[in-house]
Amino acid sequence: MNYTGPKVKLSRKIGVALTPKARKVMEDKPYPPGQHGPSKRRGNKMSEFKKQLFEKQKLKLQYNISEKQLSNLYAKAKKTAGSTPEALLQLLESRLDALVYRGGLAITMYASRQLINHGHIFVNGKKLDRPSYQVKPGDILSIKEKSRTMKLINESVKLAHPPSYLSLNKPKLEVTYLNKPSRAEIPVVCEEILVIEYYSR
């Protein structure tokens, strides 16, 4: 089940800003929520299992996906030649909702999922309403013609700075997936090797 609670509180808990609002709050309060938040020292007293679990949760929440979805992607990454941790992140980044967000068509991962579910996103000219769809290098993401005047989309595009594996055409509201990203290019905060260790138990 995807998380639907307060994003600021969750962001402070995992130490990663999930929304612009959370980013602003965390600049003033860069510690976990709660009465003892400022004095908490995460990691020092964690067991290896707890560290693995925490990193898995952190990764899952950054992409707003379910446990089953992440587990299935791990199984797929494991069968891929090369580095399993990098393959897992590439699969996550290739999701339609991730690329709509990274490309700047949505201000958050949550807004991206909503745009897709409501039929505002096209891939290669075809409407897709499945956030988990695996986009391929060379594919072009665009906005439905009737949705191109939406304020939230246009405001997001104005502020967008896509990573190097995406090309954003602001006038056309189009994002091209250029190539699978390397780990260094993927803007996600996670020790992914610990996630692999968790699933490898």
N, C-alpha and C. Protein backbone atom coordinates (compact mmCIF):
# COMPACT_ATOMS: atom_id res chain seq x y z
N MET A 1 0.85 -1.20 0.00
CA MET A 1 0.00 0.00 0.00
C MET A 1 0.88 1.24 0.00
N ASN A 2 0.55 2.24 -0.82
CA ASN A 2 1.33 3.47 -0.89
C ASN A 2 1.02 4.36 0.30
N TYR A 3 2.04 5.11 0.74
CA TYR A 3 1.89 5.98 1.90
C TYR A 3 1.02 7.19 1.58
N THR A 4 0.05 7.49 2.44
CA THR A 4 -0.85 8.62 2.20
C THR A 4 -0.88 9.61 3.37
N GLY A 5 -0.01 9.42 4.36
CA GLY A 5 -0.01 10.29 5.53
C GLY A 5 0.77 11.58 5.31
N PRO A 6 1.03 12.33 6.41
CA PRO A 6 1.75 13.61 6.33
C PRO A 6 3.15 13.44 5.75
N LYS A 7 3.42 14.12 4.65
CA LYS A 7 4.70 13.95 3.96
C LYS A 7 5.87 14.61 4.69
N VAL A 8 5.60 15.71 5.39
CA VAL A 8 6.67 16.40 6.11
C VAL A 8 7.19 15.54 7.26
N LYS A 9 6.27 14.98 8.02
CA LYS A 9 6.66 14.13 9.15
C LYS A 9 7.43 12.91 8.66
N LEU A 10 6.94 12.31 7.60
CA LEU A 10 7.61 11.15 7.03
C LEU A 10 9.00 11.51 6.51
N SER A 11 9.11 12.65 5.84
CA SER A 11 10.39 13.11 5.31
C SER A 11 11.42 13.29 6.43
N ARG A 12 10.99 13.88 7.52
CA ARG A 12 11.91 14.08 8.65
C ARG A 12 12.30 12.75 9.28
N LYS A 13 11.39 11.81 9.26
CA LYS A 13 11.66 10.49 9.84
C LYS A 13 12.74 9.74 9.07
N ILE A 14 12.69 9.81 7.73
CA ILE A 14 13.67 9.07 6.92
C ILE A 14 14.87 9.93 6.51
N GLY A 15 14.77 11.23 6.79
CA GLY A 15 15.90 12.11 6.48
C GLY A 15 16.00 12.51 5.02
N VAL A 16 14.91 12.39 4.27
CA VAL A 16 14.88 12.74 2.85
C VAL A 16 13.63 13.56 2.57
N ALA A 17 13.79 14.73 1.94
CA ALA A 17 12.65 15.59 1.62
C ALA A 17 11.87 15.00 0.45
N LEU A 18 10.62 14.67 0.69
CA LEU A 18 9.78 14.06 -0.35
C LEU A 18 8.94 15.07 -1.10
N THR A 19 8.84 16.29 -0.57
CA THR A 19 8.07 17.36 -1.22
C THR A 19 8.80 18.68 -1.01
N PRO A 20 8.50 19.71 -1.81
CA PRO A 20 9.12 21.03 -1.61
C PRO A 20 8.85 21.59 -0.21
N LYS A 21 7.62 21.36 0.28
CA LYS A 21 7.28 21.83 1.62
C LYS A 21 8.17 21.16 2.67
N ALA A 22 8.37 19.85 2.52
CA ALA A 22 9.20 19.11 3.46
C ALA A 22 10.64 19.62 3.42
N ARG A 23 11.11 19.98 2.23
CA ARG A 23 12.48 20.48 2.08
C ARG A 23 12.68 21.77 2.87
N LYS A 24 11.67 22.65 2.82
CA LYS A 24 11.75 23.91 3.55
C LYS A 24 11.75 23.68 5.05
N VAL A 25 10.87 22.79 5.51
CA VAL A 25 10.78 22.50 6.94
C VAL A 25 12.08 21.87 7.44
N MET A 26 12.65 20.97 6.66
CA MET A 26 13.85 20.26 7.08
C MET A 26 15.09 21.15 7.11
N GLU A 27 15.05 22.28 6.41
CA GLU A 27 16.16 23.23 6.50
C GLU A 27 16.22 23.83 7.90
N ASP A 28 15.05 24.00 8.52
CA ASP A 28 14.98 24.54 9.89
C ASP A 28 15.04 23.45 10.95
N LYS A 29 14.54 22.25 10.57
CA LYS A 29 14.50 21.15 11.53
C LYS A 29 15.13 19.89 10.91
N PRO A 30 16.44 19.88 10.78
CA PRO A 30 17.12 18.73 10.15
C PRO A 30 17.32 17.54 11.08
N TYR A 31 16.24 17.12 11.72
CA TYR A 31 16.30 15.99 12.64
C TYR A 31 14.93 15.31 12.65
N PRO A 32 14.86 14.08 13.17
CA PRO A 32 13.59 13.33 13.18
C PRO A 32 12.52 14.05 13.99
N PRO A 33 11.23 13.80 13.70
CA PRO A 33 10.14 14.42 14.46
C PRO A 33 10.03 13.82 15.85
N GLY A 34 9.26 14.47 16.71
CA GLY A 34 9.04 13.93 18.05
C GLY A 34 9.76 14.73 19.13
N GLN A 35 9.43 14.44 20.34
CA GLN A 35 9.96 15.17 21.50
C GLN A 35 11.48 15.12 21.60
N HIS A 36 12.06 13.98 21.24
CA HIS A 36 13.51 13.81 21.38
C HIS A 36 14.22 13.88 20.03
N GLY A 37 13.54 14.41 19.03
CA GLY A 37 14.09 14.49 17.69
C GLY A 37 15.50 15.03 17.58
N PRO A 38 15.78 16.24 18.13
CA PRO A 38 17.11 16.83 17.97
C PRO A 38 18.24 16.01 18.59
N SER A 39 17.91 15.19 19.59
CA SER A 39 18.95 14.43 20.28
C SER A 39 19.14 13.02 19.73
N LYS A 40 18.29 12.61 18.77
CA LYS A 40 18.39 11.25 18.24
C LYS A 40 19.63 11.11 17.35
N ARG A 41 20.26 9.98 17.44
CA ARG A 41 21.41 9.68 16.59
C ARG A 41 21.12 8.39 15.86
N ARG A 42 20.56 8.51 14.66
CA ARG A 42 20.16 7.33 13.91
C ARG A 42 21.39 6.56 13.42
N GLY A 43 21.37 5.27 13.56
CA GLY A 43 22.42 4.44 13.00
C GLY A 43 23.37 3.87 14.02
N ASN A 44 23.71 4.65 15.06
CA ASN A 44 24.70 4.20 16.03
C ASN A 44 24.30 2.92 16.76
N LYS A 45 23.01 2.78 17.10
CA LYS A 45 22.56 1.63 17.87
C LYS A 45 21.75 0.65 17.03
N MET A 46 21.74 0.85 15.73
CA MET A 46 20.98 -0.04 14.86
C MET A 46 21.70 -1.35 14.62
N SER A 47 20.95 -2.42 14.63
CA SER A 47 21.50 -3.71 14.23
C SER A 47 21.63 -3.69 12.71
N GLU A 48 22.36 -4.65 12.16
CA GLU A 48 22.53 -4.71 10.71
C GLU A 48 21.18 -4.89 10.03
N PHE A 49 20.34 -5.73 10.61
CA PHE A 49 19.02 -5.96 10.03
C PHE A 49 18.20 -4.68 10.04
N LYS A 50 18.26 -3.93 11.12
CA LYS A 50 17.48 -2.71 11.23
C LYS A 50 17.97 -1.67 10.21
N LYS A 51 19.28 -1.63 9.99
CA LYS A 51 19.83 -0.71 8.99
C LYS A 51 19.33 -1.08 7.60
N GLN A 52 19.33 -2.38 7.32
CA GLN A 52 18.84 -2.86 6.02
C GLN A 52 17.37 -2.52 5.83
N LEU A 53 16.59 -2.75 6.89
CA LEU A 53 15.16 -2.47 6.84
C LEU A 53 14.90 -0.98 6.64
N PHE A 54 15.67 -0.15 7.33
CA PHE A 54 15.50 1.30 7.22
C PHE A 54 15.80 1.78 5.80
N GLU A 55 16.88 1.27 5.21
CA GLU A 55 17.24 1.68 3.85
C GLU A 55 16.20 1.21 2.83
N LYS A 56 15.65 0.02 3.07
CA LYS A 56 14.60 -0.49 2.18
C LYS A 56 13.37 0.42 2.25
N GLN A 57 12.98 0.77 3.47
CA GLN A 57 11.82 1.63 3.65
C GLN A 57 12.07 3.00 3.02
N LYS A 58 13.29 3.50 3.19
CA LYS A 58 13.64 4.81 2.65
C LYS A 58 13.55 4.81 1.12
N LEU A 59 14.05 3.75 0.51
CA LEU A 59 14.01 3.63 -0.95
C LEU A 59 12.57 3.51 -1.44
N LYS A 60 11.80 2.67 -0.77
CA LYS A 60 10.40 2.43 -1.14
C LYS A 60 9.59 3.72 -1.07
N LEU A 61 9.81 4.50 -0.03
CA LEU A 61 9.03 5.72 0.17
C LEU A 61 9.43 6.82 -0.81
N GLN A 62 10.69 6.84 -1.22
CA GLN A 62 11.11 7.86 -2.18
C GLN A 62 10.45 7.65 -3.55
N TYR A 63 10.12 6.39 -3.85
CA TYR A 63 9.44 6.10 -5.11
C TYR A 63 7.94 5.90 -4.92
N ASN A 64 7.48 5.96 -3.67
CA ASN A 64 6.06 5.80 -3.34
C ASN A 64 5.50 4.51 -3.93
N ILE A 65 6.19 3.40 -3.68
CA ILE A 65 5.74 2.11 -4.18
C ILE A 65 5.49 1.15 -3.02
N SER A 66 4.82 0.06 -3.31
CA SER A 66 4.49 -0.93 -2.29
C SER A 66 5.65 -1.91 -2.08
N GLU A 67 5.56 -2.67 -1.01
CA GLU A 67 6.56 -3.69 -0.71
C GLU A 67 6.62 -4.72 -1.83
N LYS A 68 5.46 -5.12 -2.31
CA LYS A 68 5.39 -6.13 -3.38
C LYS A 68 6.07 -5.62 -4.65
N GLN A 69 5.84 -4.35 -4.98
CA GLN A 69 6.44 -3.78 -6.19
C GLN A 69 7.97 -3.75 -6.08
N LEU A 70 8.48 -3.35 -4.92
CA LEU A 70 9.93 -3.29 -4.74
C LEU A 70 10.53 -4.69 -4.75
N SER A 71 9.86 -5.63 -4.11
CA SER A 71 10.32 -7.01 -4.09
C SER A 71 10.38 -7.60 -5.50
N ASN A 72 9.37 -7.32 -6.30
CA ASN A 72 9.33 -7.82 -7.68
C ASN A 72 10.46 -7.21 -8.52
N LEU A 73 10.74 -5.93 -8.30
CA LEU A 73 11.82 -5.28 -9.05
C LEU A 73 13.18 -5.83 -8.63
N TYR A 74 13.32 -6.16 -7.34
CA TYR A 74 14.56 -6.77 -6.88
C TYR A 74 14.78 -8.11 -7.59
N ALA A 75 13.71 -8.91 -7.67
CA ALA A 75 13.81 -10.22 -8.34
C ALA A 75 14.22 -10.05 -9.80
N LYS A 76 13.70 -9.02 -10.43
CA LYS A 76 14.03 -8.75 -11.83
C LYS A 76 15.47 -8.27 -11.96
N ALA A 77 15.90 -7.41 -11.03
CA ALA A 77 17.26 -6.88 -11.06
C ALA A 77 18.29 -7.98 -10.83
N LYS A 78 17.91 -8.93 -10.00
CA LYS A 78 18.81 -10.04 -9.67
C LYS A 78 19.14 -10.87 -10.91
N LYS A 79 18.21 -10.93 -11.85
CA LYS A 79 18.40 -11.72 -13.07
C LYS A 79 19.15 -10.93 -14.15
N THR A 80 19.39 -9.66 -13.88
CA THR A 80 20.05 -8.80 -14.86
C THR A 80 21.56 -8.94 -14.76
N ALA A 81 22.23 -8.94 -15.90
CA ALA A 81 23.69 -9.01 -15.90
C ALA A 81 24.27 -7.72 -15.33
N GLY A 82 25.37 -7.85 -14.58
CA GLY A 82 26.00 -6.67 -13.99
C GLY A 82 25.63 -6.47 -12.54
N SER A 83 25.71 -5.25 -12.09
CA SER A 83 25.48 -4.91 -10.69
C SER A 83 24.00 -4.94 -10.34
N THR A 84 23.63 -5.78 -9.38
CA THR A 84 22.23 -5.87 -8.96
C THR A 84 21.74 -4.57 -8.31
N PRO A 85 22.53 -3.92 -7.43
CA PRO A 85 22.08 -2.66 -6.83
C PRO A 85 21.80 -1.59 -7.89
N GLU A 86 22.70 -1.45 -8.86
CA GLU A 86 22.50 -0.44 -9.90
C GLU A 86 21.31 -0.82 -10.79
N ALA A 87 21.17 -2.10 -11.09
CA ALA A 87 20.05 -2.56 -11.92
C ALA A 87 18.72 -2.26 -11.24
N LEU A 88 18.67 -2.43 -9.92
CA LEU A 88 17.44 -2.15 -9.17
C LEU A 88 17.07 -0.68 -9.28
N LEU A 89 18.06 0.19 -9.10
CA LEU A 89 17.79 1.63 -9.20
C LEU A 89 17.41 2.03 -10.61
N GLN A 90 18.01 1.41 -11.61
CA GLN A 90 17.66 1.72 -12.99
C GLN A 90 16.22 1.31 -13.30
N LEU A 91 15.79 0.19 -12.76
CA LEU A 91 14.41 -0.25 -12.94
C LEU A 91 13.44 0.72 -12.26
N LEU A 92 13.82 1.19 -11.09
CA LEU A 92 12.98 2.15 -10.37
C LEU A 92 12.91 3.47 -11.13
N GLU A 93 14.06 3.92 -11.65
CA GLU A 93 14.10 5.18 -12.39
C GLU A 93 13.38 5.09 -13.73
N SER A 94 13.24 3.89 -14.27
CA SER A 94 12.58 3.71 -15.57
C SER A 94 11.06 3.65 -15.45
N ARG A 95 10.55 3.65 -14.23
CA ARG A 95 9.10 3.69 -14.03
C ARG A 95 8.55 5.00 -14.60
N LEU A 96 7.36 4.93 -15.16
CA LEU A 96 6.76 6.12 -15.75
C LEU A 96 6.59 7.25 -14.74
N ASP A 97 6.12 6.91 -13.53
CA ASP A 97 5.91 7.97 -12.53
C ASP A 97 7.21 8.64 -12.11
N ALA A 98 8.30 7.87 -12.05
CA ALA A 98 9.60 8.44 -11.68
C ALA A 98 10.10 9.40 -12.75
N LEU A 99 9.93 9.04 -14.03
CA LEU A 99 10.42 9.87 -15.12
C LEU A 99 9.57 11.13 -15.33
N VAL A 100 8.27 11.03 -15.08
CA VAL A 100 7.41 12.22 -15.15
C VAL A 100 7.87 13.22 -14.09
N TYR A 101 8.20 12.71 -12.91
CA TYR A 101 8.68 13.56 -11.81
C TYR A 101 10.09 14.09 -12.09
N ARG A 102 11.02 13.22 -12.40
CA ARG A 102 12.40 13.64 -12.66
C ARG A 102 12.49 14.61 -13.83
N GLY A 103 11.63 14.37 -14.84
CA GLY A 103 11.67 15.22 -16.03
C GLY A 103 11.10 16.61 -15.81
N GLY A 104 10.38 16.79 -14.71
CA GLY A 104 9.86 18.11 -14.39
C GLY A 104 8.41 18.35 -14.74
N LEU A 105 7.71 17.32 -15.19
CA LEU A 105 6.30 17.48 -15.53
C LEU A 105 5.41 17.48 -14.29
N ALA A 106 5.96 17.05 -13.16
CA ALA A 106 5.23 17.05 -11.88
C ALA A 106 6.18 17.51 -10.78
N ILE A 107 5.63 18.18 -9.79
CA ILE A 107 6.45 18.77 -8.72
C ILE A 107 6.89 17.75 -7.67
N THR A 108 6.13 16.63 -7.55
CA THR A 108 6.48 15.57 -6.61
C THR A 108 6.17 14.21 -7.24
N MET A 109 6.67 13.14 -6.62
CA MET A 109 6.36 11.80 -7.10
C MET A 109 4.86 11.52 -6.95
N TYR A 110 4.27 12.09 -5.91
CA TYR A 110 2.84 11.89 -5.66
C TYR A 110 2.01 12.56 -6.75
N ALA A 111 2.40 13.77 -7.14
CA ALA A 111 1.69 14.50 -8.20
C ALA A 111 1.85 13.78 -9.53
N SER A 112 3.02 13.19 -9.74
CA SER A 112 3.28 12.44 -10.97
C SER A 112 2.32 11.27 -11.10
N ARG A 113 2.19 10.51 -10.03
CA ARG A 113 1.28 9.36 -10.03
C ARG A 113 -0.16 9.80 -10.32
N GLN A 114 -0.55 10.93 -9.75
CA GLN A 114 -1.91 11.43 -9.95
C GLN A 114 -2.14 11.82 -11.42
N LEU A 115 -1.15 12.49 -12.02
CA LEU A 115 -1.27 12.88 -13.43
C LEU A 115 -1.44 11.65 -14.32
N ILE A 116 -0.67 10.63 -14.03
CA ILE A 116 -0.73 9.40 -14.82
C ILE A 116 -2.07 8.70 -14.64
N ASN A 117 -2.49 8.55 -13.39
CA ASN A 117 -3.77 7.87 -13.10
C ASN A 117 -4.96 8.57 -13.75
N HIS A 118 -4.86 9.89 -13.89
CA HIS A 118 -5.97 10.67 -14.46
C HIS A 118 -5.88 10.81 -15.98
N GLY A 119 -4.91 10.14 -16.58
CA GLY A 119 -4.83 10.11 -18.04
C GLY A 119 -4.21 11.32 -18.71
N HIS A 120 -3.38 12.08 -17.98
CA HIS A 120 -2.77 13.28 -18.56
C HIS A 120 -1.45 13.00 -19.28
N ILE A 121 -0.88 11.80 -19.10
CA ILE A 121 0.45 11.50 -19.63
C ILE A 121 0.40 10.54 -20.83
N PHE A 122 1.18 10.89 -21.84
CA PHE A 122 1.31 10.06 -23.03
C PHE A 122 2.75 9.60 -23.18
N VAL A 123 2.96 8.41 -23.71
CA VAL A 123 4.30 7.91 -24.04
C VAL A 123 4.28 7.54 -25.52
N ASN A 124 5.14 8.21 -26.26
CA ASN A 124 5.18 8.01 -27.72
C ASN A 124 3.81 8.20 -28.37
N GLY A 125 3.07 9.20 -27.84
CA GLY A 125 1.77 9.53 -28.42
C GLY A 125 0.61 8.67 -27.95
N LYS A 126 0.88 7.73 -27.06
CA LYS A 126 -0.17 6.84 -26.56
C LYS A 126 -0.42 7.08 -25.07
N LYS A 127 -1.69 7.25 -24.71
CA LYS A 127 -2.02 7.50 -23.30
C LYS A 127 -1.73 6.27 -22.45
N LEU A 128 -1.04 6.50 -21.32
CA LEU A 128 -0.75 5.42 -20.38
C LEU A 128 -1.17 5.85 -18.99
N ASP A 129 -1.94 4.99 -18.30
CA ASP A 129 -2.40 5.34 -16.96
C ASP A 129 -1.85 4.37 -15.91
N ARG A 130 -0.70 3.76 -16.23
CA ARG A 130 -0.07 2.82 -15.29
C ARG A 130 1.27 3.39 -14.81
N PRO A 131 1.34 3.90 -13.58
CA PRO A 131 2.57 4.51 -13.06
C PRO A 131 3.79 3.60 -13.10
N SER A 132 3.56 2.28 -13.00
CA SER A 132 4.67 1.33 -12.95
C SER A 132 5.23 0.96 -14.33
N TYR A 133 4.62 1.48 -15.40
CA TYR A 133 5.06 1.16 -16.76
C TYR A 133 6.56 1.43 -16.92
N GLN A 134 7.28 0.46 -17.50
CA GLN A 134 8.72 0.60 -17.69
C GLN A 134 9.01 1.31 -19.01
N VAL A 135 9.49 2.54 -18.90
CA VAL A 135 9.83 3.36 -20.06
C VAL A 135 11.18 2.92 -20.61
N LYS A 136 11.33 2.93 -21.92
CA LYS A 136 12.58 2.51 -22.56
C LYS A 136 13.34 3.72 -23.08
N PRO A 137 14.68 3.63 -23.10
CA PRO A 137 15.47 4.73 -23.68
C PRO A 137 14.99 5.05 -25.09
N GLY A 138 14.83 6.33 -25.36
CA GLY A 138 14.32 6.76 -26.65
C GLY A 138 12.85 7.13 -26.62
N ASP A 139 12.13 6.67 -25.59
CA ASP A 139 10.71 7.00 -25.45
C ASP A 139 10.52 8.47 -25.11
N ILE A 140 9.41 9.03 -25.58
CA ILE A 140 9.10 10.44 -25.34
C ILE A 140 7.82 10.56 -24.51
N LEU A 141 7.92 11.26 -23.39
CA LEU A 141 6.78 11.50 -22.51
C LEU A 141 6.20 12.87 -22.83
N SER A 142 4.89 12.97 -22.91
CA SER A 142 4.26 14.25 -23.21
C SER A 142 2.96 14.40 -22.44
N ILE A 143 2.43 15.62 -22.48
CA ILE A 143 1.19 15.94 -21.77
C ILE A 143 0.01 15.92 -22.75
N LYS A 144 -1.10 15.38 -22.31
CA LYS A 144 -2.33 15.37 -23.10
C LYS A 144 -2.64 16.79 -23.58
N GLU A 145 -3.04 16.93 -24.83
CA GLU A 145 -3.28 18.24 -25.44
C GLU A 145 -4.17 19.13 -24.57
N LYS A 146 -5.27 18.57 -24.08
CA LYS A 146 -6.22 19.37 -23.29
C LYS A 146 -5.71 19.71 -21.89
N SER A 147 -4.60 19.08 -21.49
CA SER A 147 -4.07 19.29 -20.14
C SER A 147 -2.87 20.24 -20.10
N ARG A 148 -2.46 20.74 -21.26
CA ARG A 148 -1.24 21.53 -21.33
C ARG A 148 -1.32 22.92 -20.71
N THR A 149 -2.53 23.34 -20.36
CA THR A 149 -2.68 24.65 -19.71
C THR A 149 -2.77 24.51 -18.19
N MET A 150 -2.66 23.29 -17.68
CA MET A 150 -2.77 23.08 -16.23
C MET A 150 -1.67 23.82 -15.49
N LYS A 151 -2.08 24.60 -14.52
CA LYS A 151 -1.16 25.45 -13.77
C LYS A 151 -0.06 24.65 -13.07
N LEU A 152 -0.43 23.54 -12.43
CA LEU A 152 0.54 22.74 -11.69
C LEU A 152 1.63 22.17 -12.60
N ILE A 153 1.26 21.78 -13.80
CA ILE A 153 2.23 21.24 -14.74
C ILE A 153 3.18 22.33 -15.21
N ASN A 154 2.65 23.46 -15.61
CA ASN A 154 3.46 24.55 -16.14
C ASN A 154 4.38 25.16 -15.08
N GLU A 155 3.90 25.25 -13.85
CA GLU A 155 4.74 25.77 -12.76
C GLU A 155 5.88 24.81 -12.47
N SER A 156 5.59 23.52 -12.53
CA SER A 156 6.62 22.51 -12.30
C SER A 156 7.69 22.57 -13.38
N VAL A 157 7.27 22.69 -14.64
CA VAL A 157 8.20 22.73 -15.76
C VAL A 157 9.12 23.95 -15.68
N LYS A 158 8.59 25.08 -15.26
CA LYS A 158 9.39 26.30 -15.14
C LYS A 158 10.55 26.12 -14.17
N LEU A 159 10.33 25.34 -13.12
CA LEU A 159 11.35 25.14 -12.08
C LEU A 159 12.22 23.91 -12.32
N ALA A 160 11.94 23.17 -13.38
CA ALA A 160 12.58 21.87 -13.61
C ALA A 160 14.05 21.96 -14.01
N HIS A 161 14.83 21.02 -13.44
CA HIS A 161 16.23 20.83 -13.81
C HIS A 161 16.47 19.32 -13.88
N PRO A 162 16.07 18.70 -15.00
CA PRO A 162 16.15 17.24 -15.12
C PRO A 162 17.58 16.72 -15.06
N PRO A 163 17.77 15.49 -14.60
CA PRO A 163 19.11 14.88 -14.60
C PRO A 163 19.56 14.64 -16.04
N SER A 164 20.84 14.32 -16.22
CA SER A 164 21.45 14.24 -17.55
C SER A 164 20.88 13.15 -18.46
N TYR A 165 20.20 12.14 -17.90
CA TYR A 165 19.65 11.08 -18.73
C TYR A 165 18.26 11.41 -19.27
N LEU A 166 17.80 12.64 -19.00
CA LEU A 166 16.51 13.11 -19.51
C LEU A 166 16.69 14.45 -20.22
N SER A 167 15.90 14.64 -21.27
CA SER A 167 15.92 15.90 -22.00
C SER A 167 14.52 16.49 -21.96
N LEU A 168 14.40 17.71 -21.44
CA LEU A 168 13.10 18.36 -21.30
C LEU A 168 12.95 19.47 -22.34
N ASN A 169 11.92 19.36 -23.15
CA ASN A 169 11.56 20.41 -24.10
C ASN A 169 10.43 21.20 -23.46
N LYS A 170 10.77 22.33 -22.83
CA LYS A 170 9.78 23.09 -22.06
C LYS A 170 8.64 23.63 -22.91
N PRO A 171 8.90 24.21 -24.09
CA PRO A 171 7.77 24.72 -24.90
C PRO A 171 6.77 23.62 -25.29
N LYS A 172 7.30 22.41 -25.58
CA LYS A 172 6.43 21.32 -26.00
C LYS A 172 5.91 20.48 -24.84
N LEU A 173 6.45 20.73 -23.63
CA LEU A 173 6.10 19.92 -22.46
C LEU A 173 6.36 18.44 -22.74
N GLU A 174 7.56 18.16 -23.26
CA GLU A 174 7.96 16.80 -23.60
C GLU A 174 9.27 16.43 -22.90
N VAL A 175 9.34 15.19 -22.45
CA VAL A 175 10.55 14.66 -21.82
C VAL A 175 11.00 13.43 -22.59
N THR A 176 12.27 13.41 -22.99
CA THR A 176 12.82 12.25 -23.70
C THR A 176 13.75 11.49 -22.76
N TYR A 177 13.52 10.20 -22.66
CA TYR A 177 14.38 9.32 -21.84
C TYR A 177 15.57 8.93 -22.72
N LEU A 178 16.71 9.53 -22.47
CA LEU A 178 17.88 9.37 -23.35
C LEU A 178 18.58 8.03 -23.17
N ASN A 179 18.84 7.66 -21.93
CA ASN A 179 19.57 6.42 -21.67
C ASN A 179 19.39 6.00 -20.21
N LYS A 180 19.67 4.73 -19.94
CA LYS A 180 19.61 4.27 -18.55
C LYS A 180 20.70 4.99 -17.75
N PRO A 181 20.36 5.50 -16.58
CA PRO A 181 21.33 6.26 -15.80
C PRO A 181 22.33 5.40 -15.04
N SER A 182 23.49 5.96 -14.78
CA SER A 182 24.45 5.31 -13.89
C SER A 182 24.04 5.65 -12.46
N ARG A 183 24.60 4.96 -11.48
CA ARG A 183 24.24 5.24 -10.08
C ARG A 183 24.51 6.69 -9.72
N ALA A 184 25.63 7.25 -10.20
CA ALA A 184 25.99 8.62 -9.85
C ALA A 184 24.98 9.64 -10.36
N GLU A 185 24.23 9.29 -11.40
CA GLU A 185 23.26 10.21 -11.98
C GLU A 185 21.89 10.15 -11.31
N ILE A 186 21.64 9.09 -10.57
CA ILE A 186 20.31 8.90 -9.99
C ILE A 186 20.17 9.66 -8.67
N PRO A 187 19.29 10.66 -8.63
CA PRO A 187 19.15 11.51 -7.43
C PRO A 187 18.29 10.90 -6.34
N VAL A 188 18.71 9.74 -5.86
CA VAL A 188 17.98 9.10 -4.77
C VAL A 188 18.94 8.89 -3.61
N VAL A 189 18.46 9.08 -2.39
CA VAL A 189 19.30 8.96 -1.19
C VAL A 189 19.08 7.59 -0.58
N CYS A 190 20.06 6.70 -0.74
CA CYS A 190 19.89 5.34 -0.24
C CYS A 190 21.20 4.56 -0.35
N GLU A 191 21.44 3.72 0.64
CA GLU A 191 22.55 2.77 0.55
C GLU A 191 21.95 1.49 -0.02
N GLU A 192 21.86 1.45 -1.33
CA GLU A 192 21.13 0.38 -2.00
C GLU A 192 21.71 -1.01 -1.76
N ILE A 193 23.00 -1.09 -1.44
CA ILE A 193 23.60 -2.39 -1.16
C ILE A 193 22.95 -3.02 0.06
N LEU A 194 22.51 -2.20 1.02
CA LEU A 194 21.83 -2.71 2.21
C LEU A 194 20.44 -3.24 1.85
N VAL A 195 19.81 -2.64 0.85
CA VAL A 195 18.51 -3.12 0.39
C VAL A 195 18.67 -4.51 -0.24
N ILE A 196 19.73 -4.67 -1.03
CA ILE A 196 20.02 -5.96 -1.65
C ILE A 196 20.30 -7.00 -0.58
N GLU A 197 21.04 -6.60 0.45
CA GLU A 197 21.35 -7.53 1.54
C GLU A 197 20.07 -7.95 2.26
N TYR A 198 19.14 -7.00 2.42
CA TYR A 198 17.87 -7.32 3.08
C TYR A 198 17.13 -8.40 2.31
N TYR A 199 17.03 -8.25 1.01
CA TYR A 199 16.28 -9.22 0.20
C TYR A 199 17.06 -10.51 -0.03
N SER A 200 18.36 -10.49 0.20
CA SER A 200 19.19 -11.67 -0.02
C SER A 200 19.23 -12.59 1.19
N ARG A 201 18.62 -12.17 2.29
CA ARG A 201 18.68 -12.97 3.52
C ARG A 201 18.07 -14.35 3.30
